[in-house]
Structure formats: C-alpha cells, structure tokens
C-alpha cells in the first residue's frame, strides 16, 4: 500500500476506534485497575420477583457479550494501527508473506494471510 493509502486507513481506523470507545462507554465503565479495559454495568432497574431477576440476568449477560465483542474489535483496531505505525501493515504476522490487498480491503485489521488464518 502507498503511504497515502496507509495514512487514509489509519485515519479511518482512528475514527472507528473513537466510535467503539463511545459505544463501550455506553454499556460499560472503565476498569481503573487495567488501562484500556472495561467492565459491564448492571441494568438500572429494581427487580422484585424471580422473573425480574431473570430479566436482569439476561440483560447483564447481553451487556457482557456486547462489551466483550466491542473490546475485541477495539483491540484489533489498535493492533492494526500499531502495524501501520511500525511499517509492517499488510505483512502476515506468522509467515511474514504479504497479505493480499483484497483481503485487507475486506478485513482491514487482518494480521494474517488467508493460509495462516485458516490454521
């Protein structure tokens, strides 16, 4: 990729990173013990019976799943931006072969070529 393409991609990834952080902040709180980590929040309702308690548990589980998914995506973006910064973006982290541009267009955070990703 050209320098201009990488700069454009880094800018797009930075915007996606900001968007994900905002989403995370809407469903979780920052973990003060671990920088960059989030903890899901409990649903804000008072539950009086077993059905309400089950609903709270379901909401919490959904919040945990969403928080986990957003954190994973955020980490992938941070790693891709780090690869751009270190000038190794587009190189497979395993076999060191180039990752095809077509793959990077579909999955801009790809760290592995197709062969290594399938292993």
PDB file of N, CA and C in Angstrom:
ATOM      1  N   UNK A   1       0.839  -1.179   0.000  1.00  0.00           N
ATOM      2  CA  UNK A   1       0.000   0.000   0.000  1.00  0.00           C
ATOM      3  C   UNK A   1       0.885   1.244   0.000  1.00  0.00           C
ATOM      4  N   UNK A   2       0.371   2.287  -0.630  1.00  0.00           N
ATOM      5  CA  UNK A   2       1.124   3.533  -0.664  1.00  0.00           C
ATOM      6  C   UNK A   2       1.036   4.240   0.684  1.00  0.00           C
ATOM      7  N   UNK A   3       1.909   5.191   0.880  1.00  0.00           N
ATOM      8  CA  UNK A   3       1.920   5.958   2.124  1.00  0.00           C
ATOM      9  C   UNK A   3       0.589   6.682   2.313  1.00  0.00           C
ATOM     10  N   UNK A   4       0.046   7.228   1.232  1.00  0.00           N
ATOM     11  CA  UNK A   4      -1.235   7.941   1.299  1.00  0.00           C
ATOM     12  C   UNK A   4      -2.373   6.994   1.682  1.00  0.00           C
ATOM     13  N   UNK A   5      -2.373   5.784   1.106  1.00  0.00           N
ATOM     14  CA  UNK A   5      -3.397   4.794   1.433  1.00  0.00           C
ATOM     15  C   UNK A   5      -3.317   4.401   2.906  1.00  0.00           C
ATOM     16  N   UNK A   6      -2.105   4.232   3.402  1.00  0.00           N
ATOM     17  CA  UNK A   6      -1.926   3.870   4.808  1.00  0.00           C
ATOM     18  C   UNK A   6      -2.368   4.999   5.734  1.00  0.00           C
ATOM     19  N   UNK A   7      -2.062   6.232   5.358  1.00  0.00           N
ATOM     20  CA  UNK A   7      -2.493   7.378   6.170  1.00  0.00           C
ATOM     21  C   UNK A   7      -4.018   7.474   6.215  1.00  0.00           C
ATOM     22  N   UNK A   8      -4.639   7.259   5.064  1.00  0.00           N
ATOM     23  CA  UNK A   8      -6.104   7.295   4.996  1.00  0.00           C
ATOM     24  C   UNK A   8      -6.697   6.172   5.851  1.00  0.00           C
ATOM     25  N   UNK A   9      -6.138   4.983   5.734  1.00  0.00           N
ATOM     26  CA  UNK A   9      -6.620   3.849   6.510  1.00  0.00           C
ATOM     27  C   UNK A   9      -6.439   4.101   8.007  1.00  0.00           C
ATOM     28  N   UNK A  10      -5.290   4.642   8.401  1.00  0.00           N
ATOM     29  CA  UNK A  10      -5.047   4.931   9.811  1.00  0.00           C
ATOM     30  C   UNK A  10      -6.067   5.932  10.344  1.00  0.00           C
ATOM     31  N   UNK A  11      -6.399   6.924   9.540  1.00  0.00           N
ATOM     32  CA  UNK A  11      -7.394   7.914   9.944  1.00  0.00           C
ATOM     33  C   UNK A  11      -8.761   7.248  10.115  1.00  0.00           C
ATOM     34  N   UNK A  12      -9.125   6.386   9.183  1.00  0.00           N
ATOM     35  CA  UNK A  12     -10.400   5.674   9.268  1.00  0.00           C
ATOM     36  C   UNK A  12     -10.440   4.766  10.503  1.00  0.00           C
ATOM     37  N   UNK A  13      -9.322   4.088  10.772  1.00  0.00           N
ATOM     38  CA  UNK A  13      -9.257   3.220  11.943  1.00  0.00           C
ATOM     39  C   UNK A  13      -9.318   4.031  13.236  1.00  0.00           C
ATOM     40  N   UNK A  14      -8.712   5.211  13.239  1.00  0.00           N
ATOM     41  CA  UNK A  14      -8.775   6.088  14.417  1.00  0.00           C
ATOM     42  C   UNK A  14     -10.215   6.512  14.688  1.00  0.00           C
ATOM     43  N   UNK A  15     -10.952   6.819  13.635  1.00  0.00           N
ATOM     44  CA  UNK A  15     -12.358   7.197  13.789  1.00  0.00           C
ATOM     45  C   UNK A  15     -13.179   6.023  14.312  1.00  0.00           C
ATOM     46  N   UNK A  16     -12.904   4.836  13.787  1.00  0.00           N
ATOM     47  CA  UNK A  16     -13.601   3.631  14.253  1.00  0.00           C
ATOM     48  C   UNK A  16     -13.247   3.361  15.722  1.00  0.00           C
ATOM     49  N   UNK A  17     -12.003   3.585  16.086  1.00  0.00           N
ATOM     50  CA  UNK A  17     -11.570   3.397  17.470  1.00  0.00           C
ATOM     51  C   UNK A  17     -12.349   4.325  18.409  1.00  0.00           C
ATOM     52  N   UNK A  18     -12.480   5.587  18.030  1.00  0.00           N
ATOM     53  CA  UNK A  18     -13.239   6.546  18.831  1.00  0.00           C
ATOM     54  C   UNK A  18     -14.706   6.122  18.953  1.00  0.00           C
ATOM     55  N   UNK A  19     -15.282   5.658  17.861  1.00  0.00           N
ATOM     56  CA  UNK A  19     -16.677   5.218  17.866  1.00  0.00           C
ATOM     57  C   UNK A  19     -16.867   4.017  18.802  1.00  0.00           C
ATOM     58  N   UNK A  20     -15.945   3.085  18.753  1.00  0.00           N
ATOM     59  CA  UNK A  20     -16.041   1.904  19.609  1.00  0.00           C
ATOM     60  C   UNK A  20     -15.888   2.267  21.085  1.00  0.00           C
ATOM     61  N   UNK A  21     -14.998   3.191  21.381  1.00  0.00           N
ATOM     62  CA  UNK A  21     -14.823   3.624  22.765  1.00  0.00           C
ATOM     63  C   UNK A  21     -16.114   4.257  23.274  1.00  0.00           C
ATOM     64  N   UNK A  22     -16.756   5.072  22.456  1.00  0.00           N
ATOM     65  CA  UNK A  22     -18.040   5.675  22.855  1.00  0.00           C
ATOM     66  C   UNK A  22     -19.101   4.599  23.085  1.00  0.00           C
ATOM     67  N   UNK A  23     -19.132   3.597  22.219  1.00  0.00           N
ATOM     68  CA  UNK A  23     -20.085   2.503  22.405  1.00  0.00           C
ATOM     69  C   UNK A  23     -19.795   1.756  23.699  1.00  0.00           C
ATOM     70  N   UNK A  24     -18.522   1.487  23.947  1.00  0.00           N
ATOM     71  CA  UNK A  24     -18.149   0.794  25.174  1.00  0.00           C
ATOM     72  C   UNK A  24     -18.558   1.592  26.400  1.00  0.00           C
ATOM     73  N   UNK A  25     -18.344   2.888  26.357  1.00  0.00           N
ATOM     74  CA  UNK A  25     -18.687   3.739  27.491  1.00  0.00           C
ATOM     75  C   UNK A  25     -20.198   3.780  27.734  1.00  0.00           C
ATOM     76  N   UNK A  26     -20.989   3.432  26.723  1.00  0.00           N
ATOM     77  CA  UNK A  26     -22.444   3.422  26.905  1.00  0.00           C
ATOM     78  C   UNK A  26     -22.937   2.123  27.544  1.00  0.00           C
ATOM     79  N   UNK A  27     -22.133   1.056  27.490  1.00  0.00           N
ATOM     80  CA  UNK A  27     -22.563  -0.222  28.058  1.00  0.00           C
ATOM     81  C   UNK A  27     -21.660  -0.711  29.184  1.00  0.00           C
ATOM     82  N   UNK A  28     -20.563   0.013  29.443  1.00  0.00           N
ATOM     83  CA  UNK A  28     -19.596  -0.437  30.445  1.00  0.00           C
ATOM     84  C   UNK A  28     -18.896   0.776  31.055  1.00  0.00           C
ATOM     85  N   UNK A  29     -18.144   0.493  32.107  1.00  0.00           N
ATOM     86  CA  UNK A  29     -17.333   1.538  32.723  1.00  0.00           C
ATOM     87  C   UNK A  29     -15.875   1.140  32.611  1.00  0.00           C
ATOM     88  N   UNK A  30     -14.997   2.133  32.594  1.00  0.00           N
ATOM     89  CA  UNK A  30     -13.567   1.847  32.510  1.00  0.00           C
ATOM     90  C   UNK A  30     -13.110   1.157  33.788  1.00  0.00           C
ATOM     91  N   UNK A  31     -12.272   0.159  33.615  1.00  0.00           N
ATOM     92  CA  UNK A  31     -11.707  -0.574  34.739  1.00  0.00           C
ATOM     93  C   UNK A  31     -10.474   0.191  35.222  1.00  0.00           C
ATOM     94  N   UNK A  32     -10.517   0.787  36.414  1.00  0.00           N
ATOM     95  CA  UNK A  32      -9.377   1.585  36.876  1.00  0.00           C
ATOM     96  C   UNK A  32      -8.119   0.754  37.121  1.00  0.00           C
ATOM     97  N   UNK A  33      -8.274  -0.542  37.339  1.00  0.00           N
ATOM     98  CA  UNK A  33      -7.122  -1.401  37.616  1.00  0.00           C
ATOM     99  C   UNK A  33      -6.375  -1.820  36.355  1.00  0.00           C
ATOM    100  N   UNK A  34      -7.076  -1.788  35.204  1.00  0.00           N
ATOM    101  CA  UNK A  34      -6.461  -2.238  33.949  1.00  0.00           C
ATOM    102  C   UNK A  34      -6.713  -1.186  32.880  1.00  0.00           C
ATOM    103  N   UNK A  35      -5.694  -0.397  32.514  1.00  0.00           N
ATOM    104  CA  UNK A  35      -5.884   0.635  31.487  1.00  0.00           C
ATOM    105  C   UNK A  35      -6.390   0.035  30.171  1.00  0.00           C
ATOM    106  N   UNK A  36      -7.398   0.687  29.599  1.00  0.00           N
ATOM    107  CA  UNK A  36      -7.955   0.237  28.325  1.00  0.00           C
ATOM    108  C   UNK A  36      -8.987  -0.864  28.459  1.00  0.00           C
ATOM    109  N   UNK A  37      -9.245  -1.310  29.688  1.00  0.00           N
ATOM    110  CA  UNK A  37     -10.214  -2.380  29.913  1.00  0.00           C
ATOM    111  C   UNK A  37     -11.523  -1.780  30.421  1.00  0.00           C
ATOM    112  N   UNK A  38     -12.609  -2.461  30.124  1.00  0.00           N
ATOM    113  CA  UNK A  38     -13.933  -2.023  30.552  1.00  0.00           C
ATOM    114  C   UNK A  38     -14.616  -3.146  31.321  1.00  0.00           C
ATOM    115  N   UNK A  39     -15.551  -2.771  32.185  1.00  0.00           N
ATOM    116  CA  UNK A  39     -16.355  -3.722  32.938  1.00  0.00           C
ATOM    117  C   UNK A  39     -17.822  -3.432  32.634  1.00  0.00           C
ATOM    118  N   UNK A  40     -18.632  -4.474  32.376  1.00  0.00           N
ATOM    119  CA  UNK A  40     -20.050  -4.230  32.089  1.00  0.00           C
ATOM    120  C   UNK A  40     -20.755  -3.657  33.311  1.00  0.00           C
ATOM    121  N   UNK A  41     -21.806  -2.887  33.061  1.00  0.00           N
ATOM    122  CA  UNK A  41     -22.588  -2.310  34.152  1.00  0.00           C
ATOM    123  C   UNK A  41     -23.857  -3.128  34.361  1.00  0.00           C
ATOM    124  N   UNK A  42     -24.344  -3.109  35.581  1.00  0.00           N
ATOM    125  CA  UNK A  42     -25.597  -3.797  35.896  1.00  0.00           C
ATOM    126  C   UNK A  42     -26.764  -3.009  35.314  1.00  0.00           C
ATOM    127  N   UNK A  43     -27.809  -3.697  34.858  1.00  0.00           N
ATOM    128  CA  UNK A  43     -29.000  -2.998  34.383  1.00  0.00           C
ATOM    129  C   UNK A  43     -29.571  -2.125  35.497  1.00  0.00           C
ATOM    130  N   UNK A  44     -30.075  -0.938  35.139  1.00  0.00           N
ATOM    131  CA  UNK A  44     -30.573   0.020  36.121  1.00  0.00           C
ATOM    132  C   UNK A  44     -32.076  -0.148  36.331  1.00  0.00           C
ATOM    133  N   UNK A  45     -32.445  -1.155  37.079  1.00  0.00           N
ATOM    134  CA  UNK A  45     -33.854  -1.383  37.414  1.00  0.00           C
ATOM    135  C   UNK A  45     -33.903  -2.056  38.769  1.00  0.00           C
ATOM    136  N   UNK A  46     -35.041  -1.933  39.416  1.00  0.00           N
ATOM    137  CA  UNK A  46     -35.240  -2.639  40.672  1.00  0.00           C
ATOM    138  C   UNK A  46     -36.049  -3.887  40.365  1.00  0.00           C
ATOM    139  N   UNK A  47     -35.527  -5.020  40.774  1.00  0.00           N
ATOM    140  CA  UNK A  47     -36.182  -6.279  40.473  1.00  0.00           C
ATOM    141  C   UNK A  47     -36.784  -6.850  41.743  1.00  0.00           C
ATOM    142  N   UNK A  48     -38.064  -7.213  41.664  1.00  0.00           N
ATOM    143  CA  UNK A  48     -38.785  -7.648  42.849  1.00  0.00           C
ATOM    144  C   UNK A  48     -39.071  -9.148  42.871  1.00  0.00           C
ATOM    145  N   UNK A  49     -39.210  -9.778  41.712  1.00  0.00           N
ATOM    146  CA  UNK A  49     -39.524 -11.202  41.724  1.00  0.00           C
ATOM    147  C   UNK A  49     -38.548 -11.962  40.833  1.00  0.00           C
ATOM    148  N   UNK A  50     -38.741 -13.286  40.748  1.00  0.00           N
ATOM    149  CA  UNK A  50     -37.822 -14.137  40.003  1.00  0.00           C
ATOM    150  C   UNK A  50     -37.776 -13.792  38.515  1.00  0.00           C
ATOM    151  N   UNK A  51     -38.946 -13.440  37.928  1.00  0.00           N
ATOM    152  CA  UNK A  51     -38.965 -13.071  36.509  1.00  0.00           C
ATOM    153  C   UNK A  51     -38.140 -11.818  36.271  1.00  0.00           C
ATOM    154  N   UNK A  52     -38.273 -10.840  37.154  1.00  0.00           N
ATOM    155  CA  UNK A  52     -37.487  -9.616  37.029  1.00  0.00           C
ATOM    156  C   UNK A  52     -36.005  -9.906  37.207  1.00  0.00           C
ATOM    157  N   UNK A  53     -35.695 -10.797  38.141  1.00  0.00           N
ATOM    158  CA  UNK A  53     -34.305 -11.169  38.380  1.00  0.00           C
ATOM    159  C   UNK A  53     -33.729 -11.874  37.155  1.00  0.00           C
ATOM    160  N   UNK A  54     -34.534 -12.722  36.523  1.00  0.00           N
ATOM    161  CA  UNK A  54     -34.118 -13.411  35.301  1.00  0.00           C
ATOM    162  C   UNK A  54     -33.879 -12.397  34.185  1.00  0.00           C
ATOM    163  N   UNK A  55     -34.754 -11.402  34.083  1.00  0.00           N
ATOM    164  CA  UNK A  55     -34.580 -10.354  33.081  1.00  0.00           C
ATOM    165  C   UNK A  55     -33.283  -9.589  33.322  1.00  0.00           C
ATOM    166  N   UNK A  56     -32.986  -9.294  34.575  1.00  0.00           N
ATOM    167  CA  UNK A  56     -31.747  -8.580  34.914  1.00  0.00           C
ATOM    168  C   UNK A  56     -30.539  -9.411  34.532  1.00  0.00           C
ATOM    169  N   UNK A  57     -30.615 -10.700  34.806  1.00  0.00           N
ATOM    170  CA  UNK A  57     -29.513 -11.602  34.472  1.00  0.00           C
ATOM    171  C   UNK A  57     -29.317 -11.677  32.961  1.00  0.00           C
ATOM    172  N   UNK A  58     -30.416 -11.752  32.223  1.00  0.00           N
ATOM    173  CA  UNK A  58     -30.356 -11.791  30.764  1.00  0.00           C
ATOM    174  C   UNK A  58     -29.750 -10.501  30.219  1.00  0.00           C
ATOM    175  N   UNK A  59     -30.172  -9.369  30.756  1.00  0.00           N
ATOM    176  CA  UNK A  59     -29.632  -8.069  30.323  1.00  0.00           C
ATOM    177  C   UNK A  59     -28.136  -7.978  30.629  1.00  0.00           C
ATOM    178  N   UNK A  60     -27.744  -8.456  31.809  1.00  0.00           N
ATOM    179  CA  UNK A  60     -26.330  -8.416  32.177  1.00  0.00           C
ATOM    180  C   UNK A  60     -25.509  -9.291  31.239  1.00  0.00           C
ATOM    181  N   UNK A  61     -25.999 -10.500  30.934  1.00  0.00           N
ATOM    182  CA  UNK A  61     -25.284 -11.390  30.023  1.00  0.00           C
ATOM    183  C   UNK A  61     -25.151 -10.774  28.633  1.00  0.00           C
ATOM    184  N   UNK A  62     -26.206 -10.127  28.171  1.00  0.00           N
ATOM    185  CA  UNK A  62     -26.148  -9.462  26.863  1.00  0.00           C
ATOM    186  C   UNK A  62     -25.146  -8.321  26.907  1.00  0.00           C
ATOM    187  N   UNK A  63     -25.126  -7.585  28.007  1.00  0.00           N
ATOM    188  CA  UNK A  63     -24.164  -6.486  28.162  1.00  0.00           C
ATOM    189  C   UNK A  63     -22.738  -6.990  28.188  1.00  0.00           C
ATOM    190  N   UNK A  64     -22.511  -8.111  28.865  1.00  0.00           N
ATOM    191  CA  UNK A  64     -21.167  -8.702  28.919  1.00  0.00           C
ATOM    192  C   UNK A  64     -20.731  -9.135  27.527  1.00  0.00           C
ATOM    193  N   UNK A  65     -21.625  -9.777  26.788  1.00  0.00           N
ATOM    194  CA  UNK A  65     -21.289 -10.231  25.436  1.00  0.00           C
ATOM    195  C   UNK A  65     -20.968  -9.051  24.526  1.00  0.00           C
ATOM    196  N   UNK A  66     -21.784  -8.002  24.598  1.00  0.00           N
ATOM    197  CA  UNK A  66     -21.547  -6.822  23.769  1.00  0.00           C
ATOM    198  C   UNK A  66     -20.240  -6.148  24.157  1.00  0.00           C
ATOM    199  N   UNK A  67     -20.003  -6.009  25.448  1.00  0.00           N
ATOM    200  CA  UNK A  67     -18.763  -5.383  25.927  1.00  0.00           C
ATOM    201  C   UNK A  67     -17.550  -6.173  25.447  1.00  0.00           C
ATOM    202  N   UNK A  68     -17.630  -7.498  25.525  1.00  0.00           N
ATOM    203  CA  UNK A  68     -16.521  -8.349  25.089  1.00  0.00           C
ATOM    204  C   UNK A  68     -16.270  -8.194  23.584  1.00  0.00           C
ATOM    205  N   UNK A  69     -17.334  -8.200  22.804  1.00  0.00           N
ATOM    206  CA  UNK A  69     -17.218  -8.051  21.349  1.00  0.00           C
ATOM    207  C   UNK A  69     -16.601  -6.699  20.979  1.00  0.00           C
ATOM    208  N   UNK A  70     -17.065  -5.633  21.621  1.00  0.00           N
ATOM    209  CA  UNK A  70     -16.533  -4.299  21.339  1.00  0.00           C
ATOM    210  C   UNK A  70     -15.067  -4.192  21.740  1.00  0.00           C
ATOM    211  N   UNK A  71     -14.703  -4.785  22.877  1.00  0.00           N
ATOM    212  CA  UNK A  71     -13.300  -4.756  23.315  1.00  0.00           C
ATOM    213  C   UNK A  71     -12.399  -5.503  22.339  1.00  0.00           C
ATOM    214  N   UNK A  72     -12.875  -6.639  21.849  1.00  0.00           N
ATOM    215  CA  UNK A  72     -12.083  -7.399  20.880  1.00  0.00           C
ATOM    216  C   UNK A  72     -11.868  -6.589  19.605  1.00  0.00           C
ATOM    217  N   UNK A  73     -12.915  -5.978  19.123  1.00  0.00           N
ATOM    218  CA  UNK A  73     -12.818  -5.163  17.906  1.00  0.00           C
ATOM    219  C   UNK A  73     -11.870  -3.982  18.127  1.00  0.00           C
ATOM    220  N   UNK A  74     -11.984  -3.350  19.291  1.00  0.00           N
ATOM    221  CA  UNK A  74     -11.113  -2.231  19.622  1.00  0.00           C
ATOM    222  C   UNK A  74      -9.650  -2.676  19.652  1.00  0.00           C
ATOM    223  N   UNK A  75      -9.379  -3.823  20.229  1.00  0.00           N
ATOM    224  CA  UNK A  75      -8.012  -4.340  20.292  1.00  0.00           C
ATOM    225  C   UNK A  75      -7.474  -4.627  18.884  1.00  0.00           C
ATOM    226  N   UNK A  76      -8.310  -5.193  18.005  1.00  0.00           N
ATOM    227  CA  UNK A  76      -7.889  -5.456  16.630  1.00  0.00           C
ATOM    228  C   UNK A  76      -7.509  -4.155  15.916  1.00  0.00           C
ATOM    229  N   UNK A  77      -8.289  -3.115  16.139  1.00  0.00           N
ATOM    230  CA  UNK A  77      -8.011  -1.822  15.514  1.00  0.00           C
ATOM    231  C   UNK A  77      -6.714  -1.235  16.049  1.00  0.00           C
ATOM    232  N   UNK A  78      -6.520  -1.314  17.356  1.00  0.00           N
ATOM    233  CA  UNK A  78      -5.279  -0.790  17.947  1.00  0.00           C
ATOM    234  C   UNK A  78      -4.059  -1.521  17.395  1.00  0.00           C
ATOM    235  N   UNK A  79      -4.175  -2.834  17.250  1.00  0.00           N
ATOM    236  CA  UNK A  79      -3.057  -3.607  16.713  1.00  0.00           C
ATOM    237  C   UNK A  79      -2.795  -3.273  15.241  1.00  0.00           C
ATOM    238  N   UNK A  80      -3.852  -3.076  14.469  1.00  0.00           N
ATOM    239  CA  UNK A  80      -3.680  -2.704  13.058  1.00  0.00           C
ATOM    240  C   UNK A  80      -3.003  -1.345  12.955  1.00  0.00           C
ATOM    241  N   UNK A  81      -3.414  -0.405  13.797  1.00  0.00           N
ATOM    242  CA  UNK A  81      -2.790   0.930  13.778  1.00  0.00           C
ATOM    243  C   UNK A  81      -1.324   0.850  14.204  1.00  0.00           C
ATOM    244  N   UNK A  82      -1.020  -0.042  15.123  1.00  0.00           N
ATOM    245  CA  UNK A  82       0.363  -0.240  15.556  1.00  0.00           C
ATOM    246  C   UNK A  82       1.192  -0.819  14.403  1.00  0.00           C
ATOM    247  N   UNK A  83       0.596  -1.754  13.633  1.00  0.00           N
ATOM    248  CA  UNK A  83       1.314  -2.315  12.485  1.00  0.00           C
ATOM    249  C   UNK A  83       1.568  -1.242  11.428  1.00  0.00           C
ATOM    250  N   UNK A  84       0.607  -0.345  11.244  1.00  0.00           N
ATOM    251  CA  UNK A  84       0.809   0.759  10.301  1.00  0.00           C
ATOM    252  C   UNK A  84       1.965   1.630  10.787  1.00  0.00           C
ATOM    253  N   UNK A  85       1.943   1.977  12.048  1.00  0.00           N
ATOM    254  CA  UNK A  85       2.989   2.822  12.649  1.00  0.00           C
ATOM    255  C   UNK A  85       4.375   2.176  12.507  1.00  0.00           C
ATOM    256  N   UNK A  86       4.430   0.859  12.711  1.00  0.00           N
ATOM    257  CA  UNK A  86       5.708   0.144  12.643  1.00  0.00           C
ATOM    258  C   UNK A  86       6.072  -0.306  11.233  1.00  0.00           C
ATOM    259  N   UNK A  87       5.285   0.120  10.258  1.00  0.00           N
ATOM    260  CA  UNK A  87       5.523  -0.168   8.841  1.00  0.00           C
ATOM    261  C   UNK A  87       5.543  -1.667   8.529  1.00  0.00           C
ATOM    262  N   UNK A  88       4.707  -2.429   9.227  1.00  0.00           N
ATOM    263  CA  UNK A  88       4.582  -3.852   8.928  1.00  0.00           C
ATOM    264  C   UNK A  88       3.135  -4.212   8.579  1.00  0.00           C
ATOM    265  N   UNK A  89       2.312  -3.190   8.353  1.00  0.00           N
ATOM    266  CA  UNK A  89       0.930  -3.438   7.969  1.00  0.00           C
ATOM    267  C   UNK A  89       0.906  -4.135   6.619  1.00  0.00           C
ATOM    268  N   UNK A  90       0.062  -5.147   6.503  1.00  0.00           N
ATOM    269  CA  UNK A  90      -0.054  -5.876   5.242  1.00  0.00           C
ATOM    270  C   UNK A  90       0.914  -7.034   5.131  1.00  0.00           C
ATOM    271  N   UNK A  91       1.664  -7.301   6.212  1.00  0.00           N
ATOM    272  CA  UNK A  91       2.590  -8.429   6.252  1.00  0.00           C
ATOM    273  C   UNK A  91       2.057  -9.417   7.286  1.00  0.00           C
ATOM    274  N   UNK A  92       1.943 -10.673   6.907  1.00  0.00           N
ATOM    275  CA  UNK A  92       1.421 -11.694   7.800  1.00  0.00           C
ATOM    276  C   UNK A  92       2.285 -11.786   9.061  1.00  0.00           C
ATOM    277  N   UNK A  93       1.649 -11.729  10.207  1.00  0.00           N
ATOM    278  CA  UNK A  93       2.358 -11.796  11.483  1.00  0.00           C
ATOM    279  C   UNK A  93       2.971 -13.163  11.742  1.00  0.00           C
ATOM    280  N   UNK A  94       2.532 -14.165  10.989  1.00  0.00           N
ATOM    281  CA  UNK A  94       3.042 -15.518  11.179  1.00  0.00           C
ATOM    282  C   UNK A  94       4.135 -15.869  10.168  1.00  0.00           C
ATOM    283  N   UNK A  95       3.791 -15.866   8.898  1.00  0.00           N
ATOM    284  CA  UNK A  95       4.742 -16.330   7.874  1.00  0.00           C
ATOM    285  C   UNK A  95       5.535 -15.204   7.218  1.00  0.00           C
ATOM    286  N   UNK A  96       5.163 -13.959   7.515  1.00  0.00           N
ATOM    287  CA  UNK A  96       5.837 -12.758   7.004  1.00  0.00           C
ATOM    288  C   UNK A  96       5.637 -12.528   5.508  1.00  0.00           C
ATOM    289  N   UNK A  97       4.717 -13.265   4.878  1.00  0.00           N
ATOM    290  CA  UNK A  97       4.374 -13.026   3.480  1.00  0.00           C
ATOM    291  C   UNK A  97       3.380 -11.874   3.400  1.00  0.00           C
ATOM    292  N   UNK A  98       3.308 -11.207   2.260  1.00  0.00           N
ATOM    293  CA  UNK A  98       2.333 -10.116   2.111  1.00  0.00           C
ATOM    294  C   UNK A  98       0.900 -10.647   2.198  1.00  0.00           C
ATOM    295  N   UNK A  99       0.046  -9.861   2.840  1.00  0.00           N
ATOM    296  CA  UNK A  99      -1.385 -10.170   2.883  1.00  0.00           C
ATOM    297  C   UNK A  99      -1.999  -9.515   1.651  1.00  0.00           C
ATOM    298  N   UNK A 100      -2.743 -10.260   0.843  1.00  0.00           N
ATOM    299  CA  UNK A 100      -3.315  -9.674  -0.374  1.00  0.00           C
ATOM    300  C   UNK A 100      -4.179  -8.441  -0.079  1.00  0.00           C
ATOM    301  N   UNK A 101      -4.068  -7.442  -0.958  1.00  0.00           N
ATOM    302  CA  UNK A 101      -4.841  -6.208  -0.803  1.00  0.00           C
ATOM    303  C   UNK A 101      -6.340  -6.472  -0.722  1.00  0.00           C
ATOM    304  N   UNK A 102      -6.799  -7.466  -1.477  1.00  0.00           N
ATOM    305  CA  UNK A 102      -8.222  -7.793  -1.470  1.00  0.00           C
ATOM    306  C   UNK A 102      -8.670  -8.199  -0.071  1.00  0.00           C
ATOM    307  N   UNK A 103      -7.832  -8.971   0.629  1.00  0.00           N
ATOM    308  CA  UNK A 103      -8.160  -9.394   2.000  1.00  0.00           C
ATOM    309  C   UNK A 103      -8.175  -8.185   2.933  1.00  0.00           C
ATOM    310  N   UNK A 104      -7.197  -7.294   2.781  1.00  0.00           N
ATOM    311  CA  UNK A 104      -7.121  -6.111   3.645  1.00  0.00           C
ATOM    312  C   UNK A 104      -8.276  -5.149   3.393  1.00  0.00           C
ATOM    313  N   UNK A 105      -8.789  -5.119   2.165  1.00  0.00           N
ATOM    314  CA  UNK A 105      -9.943  -4.266   1.885  1.00  0.00           C
ATOM    315  C   UNK A 105     -11.185  -4.782   2.602  1.00  0.00           C
ATOM    316  N   UNK A 106     -11.316  -6.113   2.681  1.00  0.00           N
ATOM    317  CA  UNK A 106     -12.468  -6.715   3.338  1.00  0.00           C
ATOM    318  C   UNK A 106     -12.291  -6.700   4.860  1.00  0.00           C
ATOM    319  N   UNK A 107     -11.075  -7.015   5.316  1.00  0.00           N
ATOM    320  CA  UNK A 107     -10.763  -7.067   6.750  1.00  0.00           C
ATOM    321  C   UNK A 107      -9.520  -6.208   6.990  1.00  0.00           C
ATOM    322  N   UNK A 108      -9.698  -4.899   7.160  1.00  0.00           N
ATOM    323  CA  UNK A 108      -8.536  -4.018   7.310  1.00  0.00           C
ATOM    324  C   UNK A 108      -7.696  -4.304   8.556  1.00  0.00           C
ATOM    325  N   UNK A 109      -8.245  -5.054   9.505  1.00  0.00           N
ATOM    326  CA  UNK A 109      -7.483  -5.377  10.714  1.00  0.00           C
ATOM    327  C   UNK A 109      -6.782  -6.737  10.623  1.00  0.00           C
ATOM    328  N   UNK A 110      -6.839  -7.363   9.443  1.00  0.00           N
ATOM    329  CA  UNK A 110      -6.248  -8.698   9.284  1.00  0.00           C
ATOM    330  C   UNK A 110      -4.753  -8.653   9.594  1.00  0.00           C
ATOM    331  N   UNK A 111      -4.329  -9.583  10.463  1.00  0.00           N
ATOM    332  CA  UNK A 111      -2.916  -9.674  10.820  1.00  0.00           C
ATOM    333  C   UNK A 111      -2.268 -10.889  10.161  1.00  0.00           C
ATOM    334  N   UNK A 112      -3.104 -11.740   9.553  1.00  0.00           N
ATOM    335  CA  UNK A 112      -2.606 -12.975   8.963  1.00  0.00           C
ATOM    336  C   UNK A 112      -3.086 -13.144   7.533  1.00  0.00           C
ATOM    337  N   UNK A 113      -2.265 -13.776   6.724  1.00  0.00           N
ATOM    338  CA  UNK A 113      -2.692 -14.127   5.369  1.00  0.00           C
ATOM    339  C   UNK A 113      -3.765 -15.212   5.496  1.00  0.00           C
ATOM    340  N   UNK A 114      -4.425 -15.516   4.410  1.00  0.00           N
ATOM    341  CA  UNK A 114      -5.520 -16.491   4.454  1.00  0.00           C
ATOM    342  C   UNK A 114      -5.027 -17.848   4.920  1.00  0.00           C
ATOM    343  N   UNK A 115      -3.876 -18.293   4.406  1.00  0.00           N
ATOM    344  CA  UNK A 115      -3.370 -19.608   4.783  1.00  0.00           C
ATOM    345  C   UNK A 115      -3.104 -19.705   6.285  1.00  0.00           C
ATOM    346  N   UNK A 116      -2.454 -18.711   6.855  1.00  0.00           N
ATOM    347  CA  UNK A 116      -2.151 -18.744   8.289  1.00  0.00           C
ATOM    348  C   UNK A 116      -3.416 -18.565   9.135  1.00  0.00           C
ATOM    349  N   UNK A 117      -4.367 -17.773   8.652  1.00  0.00           N
ATOM    350  CA  UNK A 117      -5.613 -17.570   9.388  1.00  0.00           C
ATOM    351  C   UNK A 117      -6.425 -18.862   9.452  1.00  0.00           C
ATOM    352  N   UNK A 118      -6.310 -19.718   8.438  1.00  0.00           N
ATOM    353  CA  UNK A 118      -7.071 -20.961   8.414  1.00  0.00           C
ATOM    354  C   UNK A 118      -6.474 -22.039   9.290  1.00  0.00           C
ATOM    355  N   UNK A 119      -5.217 -21.858   9.692  1.00  0.00           N
ATOM    356  CA  UNK A 119      -4.558 -22.880  10.529  1.00  0.00           C
ATOM    357  C   UNK A 119      -5.015 -22.826  11.938  1.00  0.00           C
TER     358      UNK A 119
END
